[in-house]
C-alpha atoms as a PDB file:
ATOM      1  CA  MET A   1     -97.257  96.108 -23.480  1.00  0.00           C
ATOM      2  CA  VAL A   2     -95.496  99.438 -23.319  1.00  0.00           C
ATOM      3  CA  ALA A   3     -91.687  99.644 -24.086  1.00  0.00           C
ATOM      4  CA  HIS A   4     -89.789 101.810 -21.543  1.00  0.00           C
ATOM      5  CA  PRO A   5     -87.014 104.010 -22.909  1.00  0.00           C
ATOM      6  CA  LEU A   6     -83.513 103.104 -22.013  1.00  0.00           C
ATOM      7  CA  HIS A   7     -81.720 104.976 -19.276  1.00  0.00           C
ATOM      8  CA  PRO A   8     -79.323 107.535 -20.461  1.00  0.00           C
ATOM      9  CA  SER A   9     -76.471 105.828 -18.711  1.00  0.00           C
ATOM     10  CA  THR A  10     -77.353 102.496 -20.370  1.00  0.00           C
ATOM     11  CA  LEU A  11     -77.424 104.234 -23.700  1.00  0.00           C
ATOM     12  CA  ARG A  12     -73.958 105.682 -23.104  1.00  0.00           C
ATOM     13  CA  VAL A  13     -72.594 102.088 -22.295  1.00  0.00           C
ATOM     14  CA  ILE A  14     -74.087 100.609 -25.441  1.00  0.00           C
ATOM     15  CA  LYS A  15     -72.663 103.500 -27.560  1.00  0.00           C
ATOM     16  CA  LYS A  16     -69.174 102.828 -26.011  1.00  0.00           C
ATOM     17  CA  GLU A  17     -69.363  99.178 -26.580  1.00  0.00           C
ATOM     18  CA  LEU A  18     -70.449  99.817 -30.366  1.00  0.00           C
ATOM     19  CA  MET A  19     -67.528 102.214 -30.730  1.00  0.00           C
ATOM     20  CA  PHE A  20     -65.186  99.736 -29.201  1.00  0.00           C
ATOM     21  CA  MET A  21     -66.391  96.995 -31.462  1.00  0.00           C
ATOM     22  CA  ARG A  22     -66.107  99.267 -34.540  1.00  0.00           C
ATOM     23  CA  LYS A  23     -62.568 100.285 -33.583  1.00  0.00           C
ATOM     24  CA  LEU A  24     -61.694  96.609 -32.889  1.00  0.00           C
ATOM     25  CA  MET A  25     -63.008  95.512 -36.332  1.00  0.00           C
ATOM     26  CA  ILE A  26     -61.177  98.398 -38.049  1.00  0.00           C
ATOM     27  CA  SER A  27     -57.966  97.430 -36.239  1.00  0.00           C
ATOM     28  CA  MET A  28     -58.319  93.694 -37.110  1.00  0.00           C
ATOM     29  CA  ALA A  29     -59.009  94.686 -40.734  1.00  0.00           C
ATOM     30  CA  ILE A  30     -55.917  96.927 -40.852  1.00  0.00           C
ATOM     31  CA  GLY A  31     -53.836  94.093 -39.137  1.00  0.00           C
ATOM     32  CA  ALA A  32     -55.052  91.574 -41.751  1.00  0.00           C
ATOM     33  CA  ILE A  33     -54.179  93.882 -44.672  1.00  0.00           C
ATOM     34  CA  LEU A  34     -50.626  94.508 -43.057  1.00  0.00           C
ATOM     35  CA  LEU A  35     -50.083  90.801 -42.651  1.00  0.00           C
ATOM     36  CA  THR A  36     -51.195  90.088 -46.185  1.00  0.00           C
ATOM     37  CA  ALA A  37     -48.920  92.860 -47.480  1.00  0.00           C
ATOM     38  CA  VAL A  38     -45.956  91.448 -45.559  1.00  0.00           C
ATOM     39  CA  ALA A  39     -46.675  87.888 -46.566  1.00  0.00           C
ATOM     40  CA  LEU A  40     -47.035  88.988 -50.213  1.00  0.00           C
ATOM     41  CA  TYR A  41     -43.688  90.875 -50.009  1.00  0.00           C
ATOM     42  CA  PHE A  42     -41.726  87.968 -48.543  1.00  0.00           C
ATOM     43  CA  THR A  43     -43.227  85.478 -50.969  1.00  0.00           C
ATOM     44  CA  THR A  44     -43.361  87.544 -54.146  1.00  0.00           C
ATOM     45  CA  PHE A  45     -40.521  90.161 -53.909  1.00  0.00           C
ATOM     46  CA  HIS A  46     -38.094  89.377 -51.175  1.00  0.00           C
ATOM     47  CA  PRO A  47     -36.834  86.076 -52.717  1.00  0.00           C
ATOM     48  CA  TYR A  48     -35.561  88.122 -55.609  1.00  0.00           C
ATOM     49  CA  GLN A  49     -33.662  90.763 -53.580  1.00  0.00           C
ATOM     50  CA  ILE A  50     -30.298  89.188 -54.316  1.00  0.00           C
ATOM     51  CA  GLN A  51     -27.269  90.513 -52.288  1.00  0.00           C
ATOM     52  CA  VAL A  52     -23.682  90.175 -53.422  1.00  0.00           C
ATOM     53  CA  SER A  53     -20.909  90.048 -50.807  1.00  0.00           C
ATOM     54  CA  GLU A  54     -17.755  91.378 -52.207  1.00  0.00           C
ATOM     55  CA  HIS A  55     -14.369  90.047 -50.951  1.00  0.00           C
ATOM     56  CA  PHE A  56     -10.771  91.025 -51.756  1.00  0.00           C
ATOM     57  CA  ILE A  57      -8.334  88.265 -51.392  1.00  0.00           C
ATOM     58  CA  GLN A  58      -4.769  89.504 -51.237  1.00  0.00           C
ATOM     59  CA  SER A  59      -1.999  86.916 -51.350  1.00  0.00           C
ATOM     60  CA  PRO A  60       1.570  86.570 -52.692  1.00  0.00           C
ATOM     61  CA  GLN A  61       0.358  83.114 -53.820  1.00  0.00           C
ATOM     62  CA  VAL A  62      -1.969  84.428 -56.455  1.00  0.00           C
ATOM     63  CA  PRO A  63      -0.229  83.803 -59.739  1.00  0.00           C
ATOM     64  CA  ALA A  64       0.606  86.999 -61.839  1.00  0.00           C
ATOM     65  CA  THR A  65      -1.599  85.581 -64.603  1.00  0.00           C
ATOM     66  CA  PHE A  66      -4.590  85.403 -62.189  1.00  0.00           C
ATOM     67  CA  GLU A  67      -4.190  89.037 -60.913  1.00  0.00           C
ATOM     68  CA  GLY A  68      -7.635  90.511 -60.784  1.00  0.00           C
ATOM     69  CA  ALA A  69      -9.421  87.269 -61.490  1.00  0.00           C
ATOM     70  CA  ARG A  70     -13.053  87.013 -60.071  1.00  0.00           C
ATOM     71  CA  LEU A  71     -14.349  83.902 -58.457  1.00  0.00           C
ATOM     72  CA  ILE A  72     -17.991  83.526 -57.685  1.00  0.00           C
ATOM     73  CA  GLN A  73     -19.335  81.316 -54.943  1.00  0.00           C
ATOM     74  CA  LEU A  74     -22.817  79.923 -54.934  1.00  0.00           C
ATOM     75  CA  SER A  75     -24.047  77.566 -52.287  1.00  0.00           C
ATOM     76  CA  ASP A  76     -27.323  75.865 -51.145  1.00  0.00           C
ATOM     77  CA  LEU A  77     -29.562  76.520 -54.099  1.00  0.00           C
ATOM     78  CA  LEU A  78     -32.006  74.090 -52.411  1.00  0.00           C
ATOM     79  CA  ILE A  79     -34.293  74.109 -55.553  1.00  0.00           C
ATOM     80  CA  GLU A  80     -37.656  72.353 -55.152  1.00  0.00           C
ATOM     81  CA  ASN A  81     -40.170  74.123 -57.188  1.00  0.00           C
ATOM     82  CA  GLU A  82     -40.863  76.759 -59.898  1.00  0.00           C
ATOM     83  CA  ARG A  83     -40.416  79.715 -57.719  1.00  0.00           C
ATOM     84  CA  ASP A  84     -36.921  78.464 -56.604  1.00  0.00           C
ATOM     85  CA  VAL A  85     -36.109  78.147 -60.393  1.00  0.00           C
ATOM     86  CA  ARG A  86     -37.123  81.643 -60.996  1.00  0.00           C
ATOM     87  CA  VAL A  87     -34.821  82.927 -58.208  1.00  0.00           C
ATOM     88  CA  LEU A  88     -32.037  80.857 -59.728  1.00  0.00           C
ATOM     89  CA  GLY A  89     -32.640  82.523 -63.064  1.00  0.00           C
ATOM     90  CA  GLN A  90     -32.292  85.971 -61.370  1.00  0.00           C
ATOM     91  CA  VAL A  91     -29.060  84.760 -59.538  1.00  0.00           C
ATOM     92  CA  VAL A  92     -27.569  83.563 -62.801  1.00  0.00           C
ATOM     93  CA  GLN A  93     -28.238  86.859 -64.549  1.00  0.00           C
ATOM     94  CA  GLN A  94     -26.640  88.689 -61.640  1.00  0.00           C
ATOM     95  CA  VAL A  95     -23.594  86.332 -61.578  1.00  0.00           C
ATOM     96  CA  ASN A  96     -23.094  86.720 -65.338  1.00  0.00           C
ATOM     97  CA  ALA A  97     -23.264  90.532 -64.972  1.00  0.00           C
ATOM     98  CA  LEU A  98     -20.242  90.261 -62.714  1.00  0.00           C
ATOM     99  CA  SER A  99     -18.181  88.551 -65.521  1.00  0.00           C
ATOM    100  CA  PRO A 100     -16.623  85.886 -63.389  1.00  0.00           C
ATOM    101  CA  ASP A 101     -13.496  83.910 -64.402  1.00  0.00           C
ATOM    102  CA  MET A 102     -14.510  80.969 -62.150  1.00  0.00           C
ATOM    103  CA  VAL A 103     -17.563  79.721 -60.478  1.00  0.00           C
ATOM    104  CA  ALA A 104     -17.547  77.475 -57.421  1.00  0.00           C
ATOM    105  CA  LEU A 105     -20.707  75.683 -56.141  1.00  0.00           C
ATOM    106  CA  THR A 106     -20.343  74.561 -52.587  1.00  0.00           C
ATOM    107  CA  GLY A 107     -23.215  71.973 -52.345  1.00  0.00           C
ATOM    108  CA  ASN A 108     -26.932  71.199 -52.094  1.00  0.00           C
ATOM    109  CA  VAL A 109     -28.253  72.028 -55.581  1.00  0.00           C
ATOM    110  CA  PHE A 110     -31.756  70.693 -54.776  1.00  0.00           C
ATOM    111  CA  GLY A 111     -33.793  70.463 -51.535  1.00  0.00           C
ATOM    112  CA  ALA A 112     -34.886  67.307 -49.859  1.00  0.00           C
ATOM    113  CA  GLY A 113     -38.415  67.116 -51.427  1.00  0.00           C
ATOM    114  CA  ALA A 114     -39.461  65.541 -54.685  1.00  0.00           C
ATOM    115  CA  ILE A 115     -38.248  67.369 -57.669  1.00  0.00           C
ATOM    116  CA  SER A 116     -40.432  67.293 -60.965  1.00  0.00           C
ATOM    117  CA  PRO A 117     -38.687  66.586 -64.221  1.00  0.00           C
ATOM    118  CA  ALA A 118     -39.582  70.116 -65.395  1.00  0.00           C
ATOM    119  CA  VAL A 119     -37.759  71.631 -62.443  1.00  0.00           C
ATOM    120  CA  LEU A 120     -34.793  69.405 -63.069  1.00  0.00           C
ATOM    121  CA  GLU A 121     -34.654  70.285 -66.670  1.00  0.00           C
ATOM    122  CA  GLU A 122     -34.861  74.066 -66.066  1.00  0.00           C
ATOM    123  CA  THR A 123     -32.373  73.961 -63.281  1.00  0.00           C
ATOM    124  CA  SER A 124     -29.877  72.132 -65.610  1.00  0.00           C
ATOM    125  CA  ARG A 125     -30.497  74.768 -68.277  1.00  0.00           C
ATOM    126  CA  LEU A 126     -29.915  77.796 -66.156  1.00  0.00           C
ATOM    127  CA  LEU A 127     -26.802  76.319 -64.606  1.00  0.00           C
ATOM    128  CA  GLY A 128     -25.563  75.788 -68.183  1.00  0.00           C
ATOM    129  CA  THR A 129     -25.952  79.371 -68.806  1.00  0.00           C
ATOM    130  CA  LEU A 130     -23.515  80.406 -66.005  1.00  0.00           C
ATOM    131  CA  GLU A 131     -20.574  82.055 -67.649  1.00  0.00           C
ATOM    132  CA  ALA A 132     -16.968  81.440 -66.345  1.00  0.00           C
ATOM    133  CA  ASP A 133     -14.010  82.160 -68.756  1.00  0.00           C
ATOM    134  CA  ILE A 134     -11.712  79.680 -66.733  1.00  0.00           C
ATOM    135  CA  GLY A 135     -13.813  77.038 -65.280  1.00  0.00           C
ATOM    136  CA  LYS A 136     -16.603  75.907 -63.007  1.00  0.00           C
ATOM    137  CA  VAL A 137     -16.171  73.505 -60.139  1.00  0.00           C
ATOM    138  CA  ALA A 138     -18.554  71.984 -57.500  1.00  0.00           C
ATOM    139  CA  VAL A 139     -18.638  69.849 -54.403  1.00  0.00           C
ATOM    140  CA  LEU A 140     -21.636  67.867 -53.125  1.00  0.00           C
ATOM    141  CA  GLY A 141     -23.766  68.711 -50.024  1.00  0.00           C
ATOM    142  CA  GLY A 142     -25.410  66.183 -47.739  1.00  0.00           C
ATOM    143  CA  ILE A 143     -28.722  66.353 -49.609  1.00  0.00           C
ATOM    144  CA  ASP A 144     -26.863  66.042 -52.942  1.00  0.00           C
ATOM    145  CA  LEU A 145     -25.359  62.779 -51.656  1.00  0.00           C
ATOM    146  CA  GLN A 146     -28.722  61.246 -51.384  1.00  0.00           C
ATOM    147  CA  ARG A 147     -29.038  61.425 -55.156  1.00  0.00           C
ATOM    148  CA  ALA A 148     -25.252  61.762 -55.915  1.00  0.00           C
ATOM    149  CA  GLU A 149     -25.349  60.083 -59.416  1.00  0.00           C
ATOM    150  CA  GLU A 150     -28.165  62.270 -60.605  1.00  0.00           C
ATOM    151  CA  VAL A 151     -26.767  65.517 -59.316  1.00  0.00           C
ATOM    152  CA  THR A 152     -23.249  64.779 -60.598  1.00  0.00           C
ATOM    153  CA  GLU A 153     -24.724  63.932 -63.991  1.00  0.00           C
ATOM    154  CA  ILE A 154     -26.573  67.239 -64.061  1.00  0.00           C
ATOM    155  CA  LEU A 155     -23.566  69.253 -63.031  1.00  0.00           C
ATOM    156  CA  GLU A 156     -21.014  67.673 -65.374  1.00  0.00           C
ATOM    157  CA  GLY A 157     -23.527  67.978 -68.153  1.00  0.00           C
ATOM    158  CA  VAL A 158     -23.161  71.695 -67.890  1.00  0.00           C
ATOM    159  CA  ASP A 159     -19.471  71.798 -67.572  1.00  0.00           C
ATOM    160  CA  PHE A 160     -18.995  71.750 -63.796  1.00  0.00           C
ATOM    161  CA  HIS A 161     -16.047  69.715 -62.420  1.00  0.00           C
ATOM    162  CA  VAL A 162     -17.444  67.796 -59.575  1.00  0.00           C
ATOM    163  CA  LEU A 163     -14.838  67.244 -56.823  1.00  0.00           C
ATOM    164  CA  ARG A 164     -15.204  64.395 -54.470  1.00  0.00           C
ATOM    165  CA  ASN A 165     -12.044  64.216 -52.351  1.00  0.00           C
ATOM    166  CA  GLU A 166     -10.063  65.255 -55.350  1.00  0.00           C
ATOM    167  CA  SER A 167      -8.462  68.463 -56.831  1.00  0.00           C
ATOM    168  CA  ARG A 168      -8.709  70.362 -60.168  1.00  0.00           C
ATOM    169  CA  GLU A 169      -6.097  72.658 -61.418  1.00  0.00           C
ATOM    170  CA  PHE A 170      -6.607  75.587 -63.808  1.00  0.00           C
ATOM    171  CA  PHE A 171      -3.806  77.367 -65.547  1.00  0.00           C
ATOM    172  CA  ASN A 172      -3.593  80.644 -67.459  1.00  0.00           C
ATOM    173  CA  GLY A 173      -0.610  80.432 -69.853  1.00  0.00           C
ATOM    174  CA  THR A 174       2.016  79.454 -67.124  1.00  0.00           C
ATOM    175  CA  LEU A 175       2.914  76.694 -64.871  1.00  0.00           C
ATOM    176  CA  ALA A 176       1.561  78.686 -61.785  1.00  0.00           C
ATOM    177  CA  GLY A 177      -2.211  78.133 -61.527  1.00  0.00           C
ATOM    178  CA  ILE A 178      -5.154  77.746 -59.158  1.00  0.00           C
ATOM    179  CA  SER A 179      -5.980  74.489 -57.533  1.00  0.00           C
ATOM    180  CA  PHE A 180      -9.452  73.628 -56.257  1.00  0.00           C
ATOM    181  CA  LEU A 181      -9.422  70.991 -53.568  1.00  0.00           C
ATOM    182  CA  GLY A 182     -12.915  69.523 -53.168  1.00  0.00           C
ATOM    183  CA  MET A 183     -14.092  67.396 -50.187  1.00  0.00           C
ATOM    184  CA  ASP A 184     -17.448  65.477 -49.437  1.00  0.00           C
ATOM    185  CA  PRO A 185     -19.125  66.731 -46.335  1.00  0.00           C
ATOM    186  CA  ALA A 186     -17.691  65.967 -42.943  1.00  0.00           C
ATOM    187  CA  SER A 187     -20.762  64.320 -41.813  1.00  0.00           C
ATOM    188  CA  HIS A 188     -20.449  61.697 -44.561  1.00  0.00           C
ATOM    189  CA  GLU A 189     -17.790  59.214 -45.308  1.00  0.00           C
ATOM    190  CA  ASN A 190     -14.846  60.804 -47.081  1.00  0.00           C
ATOM    191  CA  ASN A 191     -11.130  60.024 -47.601  1.00  0.00           C
ATOM    192  CA  PHE A 192      -9.176  63.134 -46.284  1.00  0.00           C
ATOM    193  CA  ALA A 193      -5.860  61.258 -46.588  1.00  0.00           C
ATOM    194  CA  THR A 194      -6.222  61.019 -50.316  1.00  0.00           C
ATOM    195  CA  ILE A 195      -6.060  64.794 -50.743  1.00  0.00           C
ATOM    196  CA  ILE A 196      -3.242  65.623 -48.308  1.00  0.00           C
ATOM    197  CA  PRO A 197      -0.468  64.928 -50.874  1.00  0.00           C
ATOM    198  CA  ARG A 198      -2.130  67.657 -53.038  1.00  0.00           C
ATOM    199  CA  LEU A 199      -1.859  70.318 -50.260  1.00  0.00           C
ATOM    200  CA  GLN A 200       0.681  73.069 -50.552  1.00  0.00           C
ATOM    201  CA  GLN A 201       1.502  72.482 -54.189  1.00  0.00           C
ATOM    202  CA  GLU A 202       4.266  74.756 -55.103  1.00  0.00           C
ATOM    203  CA  GLY A 203       3.420  77.627 -57.414  1.00  0.00           C
ATOM    204  CA  MET A 204      -0.349  76.941 -56.866  1.00  0.00           C
ATOM    205  CA  PHE A 205      -2.955  79.289 -55.326  1.00  0.00           C
ATOM    206  CA  GLN A 206      -5.217  76.681 -53.522  1.00  0.00           C
ATOM    207  CA  ILE A 207      -8.818  76.965 -52.708  1.00  0.00           C
ATOM    208  CA  TRP A 208     -10.583  74.452 -50.453  1.00  0.00           C
ATOM    209  CA  LEU A 209     -14.162  73.598 -51.145  1.00  0.00           C
ATOM    210  CA  THR A 210     -16.354  71.645 -48.887  1.00  0.00           C
ATOM    211  CA  HIS A 211     -20.126  71.905 -47.987  1.00  0.00           C
ATOM    212  CA  GLU A 212     -19.815  71.993 -44.165  1.00  0.00           C
ATOM    213  CA  GLY A 213     -17.500  74.615 -42.701  1.00  0.00           C
ATOM    214  CA  GLN A 214     -15.971  72.690 -39.820  1.00  0.00           C
ATOM    215  CA  HIS A 215     -13.652  71.028 -42.475  1.00  0.00           C
ATOM    216  CA  ALA A 216     -11.948  74.431 -42.700  1.00  0.00           C
ATOM    217  CA  ALA A 217     -10.515  74.062 -39.251  1.00  0.00           C
ATOM    218  CA  SER A 218      -9.089  70.684 -40.357  1.00  0.00           C
ATOM    219  CA  VAL A 219      -6.750  72.195 -42.881  1.00  0.00           C
ATOM    220  CA  VAL A 220      -5.758  75.444 -41.218  1.00  0.00           C
ATOM    221  CA  ASP A 221      -2.184  74.153 -40.590  1.00  0.00           C
ATOM    222  CA  TYR A 222      -1.721  73.633 -44.410  1.00  0.00           C
ATOM    223  CA  GLY A 223      -1.817  77.389 -45.209  1.00  0.00           C
ATOM    224  CA  ILE A 224      -4.524  77.130 -47.767  1.00  0.00           C
ATOM    225  CA  ALA A 225      -5.457  80.822 -48.554  1.00  0.00           C
ATOM    226  CA  LEU A 226      -9.159  80.544 -49.122  1.00  0.00           C
ATOM    227  CA  LYS A 227     -11.768  78.019 -47.848  1.00  0.00           C
ATOM    228  CA  LEU A 228     -15.318  78.093 -49.102  1.00  0.00           C
ATOM    229  CA  SER A 229     -18.327  76.395 -47.564  1.00  0.00           C
ATOM    230  CA  GLY A 230     -22.059  76.807 -47.041  1.00  0.00           C
ATOM    231  CA  HIS A 231     -24.698  74.642 -45.269  1.00  0.00           C
ATOM    232  CA  CYS A 232     -25.564  76.923 -42.329  1.00  0.00           C
ATOM    233  CA  LEU A 233     -27.866  79.328 -44.270  1.00  0.00           C
ATOM    234  CA  GLY A 234     -26.617  82.106 -41.815  1.00  0.00           C
ATOM    235  CA  SER A 235     -27.816  80.155 -38.844  1.00  0.00           C
ATOM    236  CA  THR A 236     -25.854  78.606 -36.017  1.00  0.00           C
ATOM    237  CA  THR A 237     -27.948  75.396 -36.282  1.00  0.00           C
ATOM    238  CA  PRO A 238     -27.711  72.572 -36.864  1.00  0.00           C
ATOM    239  CA  ALA A 239     -24.797  71.954 -34.423  1.00  0.00           C
ATOM    240  CA  PRO A 240     -22.044  70.993 -34.565  1.00  0.00           C
ATOM    241  CA  GLN A 241     -21.502  71.710 -38.220  1.00  0.00           C
ATOM    242  CA  CYS A 242     -22.322  75.404 -37.672  1.00  0.00           C
ATOM    243  CA  SER A 243     -20.938  75.901 -34.105  1.00  0.00           C
ATOM    244  CA  GLN A 244     -17.525  77.227 -35.227  1.00  0.00           C
ATOM    245  CA  PHE A 245     -18.071  78.937 -38.685  1.00  0.00           C
ATOM    246  CA  PHE A 246     -21.628  79.670 -39.738  1.00  0.00           C
ATOM    247  CA  SER A 247     -21.884  82.950 -41.632  1.00  0.00           C
ATOM    248  CA  GLY A 248     -19.621  85.389 -43.534  1.00  0.00           C
ATOM    249  CA  ALA A 249     -15.851  85.583 -43.873  1.00  0.00           C
ATOM    250  CA  TYR A 250     -13.426  84.694 -41.061  1.00  0.00           C
ATOM    251  CA  ARG A 251      -9.817  85.870 -41.468  1.00  0.00           C
ATOM    252  CA  PHE A 252      -6.805  84.227 -39.880  1.00  0.00           C
ATOM    253  CA  SER A 253      -3.640  86.057 -40.866  1.00  0.00           C
ATOM    254  CA  ASP A 254      -3.149  85.039 -44.424  1.00  0.00           C
ATOM    255  CA  GLN A 255      -6.156  82.773 -44.670  1.00  0.00           C
ATOM    256  CA  VAL A 256      -9.821  83.355 -45.224  1.00  0.00           C
ATOM    257  CA  VAL A 257     -12.755  81.008 -44.301  1.00  0.00           C
ATOM    258  CA  ASN A 258     -15.951  82.089 -46.061  1.00  0.00           C
ATOM    259  CA  ILE A 259     -19.322  80.483 -45.160  1.00  0.00           C
ATOM    260  CA  SER A 260     -21.977  81.470 -47.701  1.00  0.00           C
ATOM    261  CA  THR A 261     -25.488  82.052 -46.461  1.00  0.00           C
ATOM    262  CA  GLY A 262     -26.651  80.466 -49.778  1.00  0.00           C
ATOM    263  CA  VAL A 263     -29.319  81.140 -52.336  1.00  0.00           C
ATOM    264  CA  GLY A 264     -31.959  79.007 -50.840  1.00  0.00           C
ATOM    265  CA  ASN A 265     -33.577  79.287 -47.394  1.00  0.00           C
ATOM    266  CA  ALA A 266     -34.679  77.028 -44.565  1.00  0.00           C
ATOM    267  CA  ASN A 267     -38.297  76.015 -44.214  1.00  0.00           C
ATOM    268  CA  THR A 268     -38.861  78.167 -41.191  1.00  0.00           C
ATOM    269  CA  PHE A 269     -40.413  81.503 -40.590  1.00  0.00           C
ATOM    270  CA  PHE A 270     -37.102  83.210 -40.158  1.00  0.00           C
ATOM    271  CA  GLY A 271     -35.672  81.226 -42.996  1.00  0.00           C
ATOM    272  CA  PHE A 272     -37.876  83.177 -45.433  1.00  0.00           C
ATOM    273  CA  LEU A 273     -36.505  86.522 -44.127  1.00  0.00           C
ATOM    274  CA  LYS A 274     -33.042  85.597 -45.609  1.00  0.00           C
ATOM    275  CA  ARG A 275     -32.138  87.130 -48.993  1.00  0.00           C
ATOM    276  CA  PRO A 276     -30.424  84.889 -51.690  1.00  0.00           C
ATOM    277  CA  SER A 277     -26.653  85.584 -51.401  1.00  0.00           C
ATOM    278  CA  ILE A 278     -23.907  85.539 -53.902  1.00  0.00           C
ATOM    279  CA  ASP A 279     -20.130  85.725 -52.781  1.00  0.00           C
ATOM    280  CA  SER A 280     -17.755  87.470 -55.056  1.00  0.00           C
ATOM    281  CA  PHE A 281     -13.970  87.155 -54.549  1.00  0.00           C
ATOM    282  CA  LEU A 282     -11.400  89.375 -56.443  1.00  0.00           C
ATOM    283  CA  LEU A 283      -7.894  87.788 -56.353  1.00  0.00           C
ATOM    284  CA  ILE A 284      -5.168  90.354 -55.797  1.00  0.00           C
ATOM    285  CA  ARG A 285      -1.445  89.520 -55.875  1.00  0.00           C
ATOM    286  CA  GLN A 286       0.317  91.220 -53.113  1.00  0.00           C
END
């Protein structure tokens, strides 16, 4: 049987198809390499690109002895695994480099998953190395409250004052000082009435701490100069806790509400795009 040569037009079609397949394979290979590189960046390097948001709080309520004091806010550490612990280690180093006078943690130290004893131990150790000349305070987030006793024990073991519908005052040589007012999340049972008598203490610069930001609107009439929250991770969901305040500093005449985007991230694609965030406040007496 004699094989007949292919028609030139058929050969041209075959060559075009082969060239197309080769270009397609090259394009797919380049795409796979780019996707791998992007995934590698966001899993290996991006979580350690820590950003610091600087804020200047100017108020006549700042006591003279606290002029120039630096307060660091950390929120939503959401620690679950060894990588989260490594990120926390970088965060602690950066916080200590800022030489804070006070550190405030606004909730959710751990994520919702199971936490190994090794991760718990290393988290405790790192939090214990946070330096604050005047003091460290914390409130609990919704996830914290699911294991409130354990989280409280860890925080108090490394010199945090855990505030659950109560206040803590710090002084620096005079009767005028700073009062931290800490509340449990609005989505959980709390006793707002118990803390009302402590609002507007004369001679005190007051700072309101609660995990969910909508509490900030509840106390706007009390003239508290600074209100710190977290929870939203820079997103407007879940509502309604993040419908009014969800990211960054909101200024209302002589008051500031700051919603930290937090150290940890949500378990979503876009959540992994968020950089760990530290908020730094310099207190200035007007």
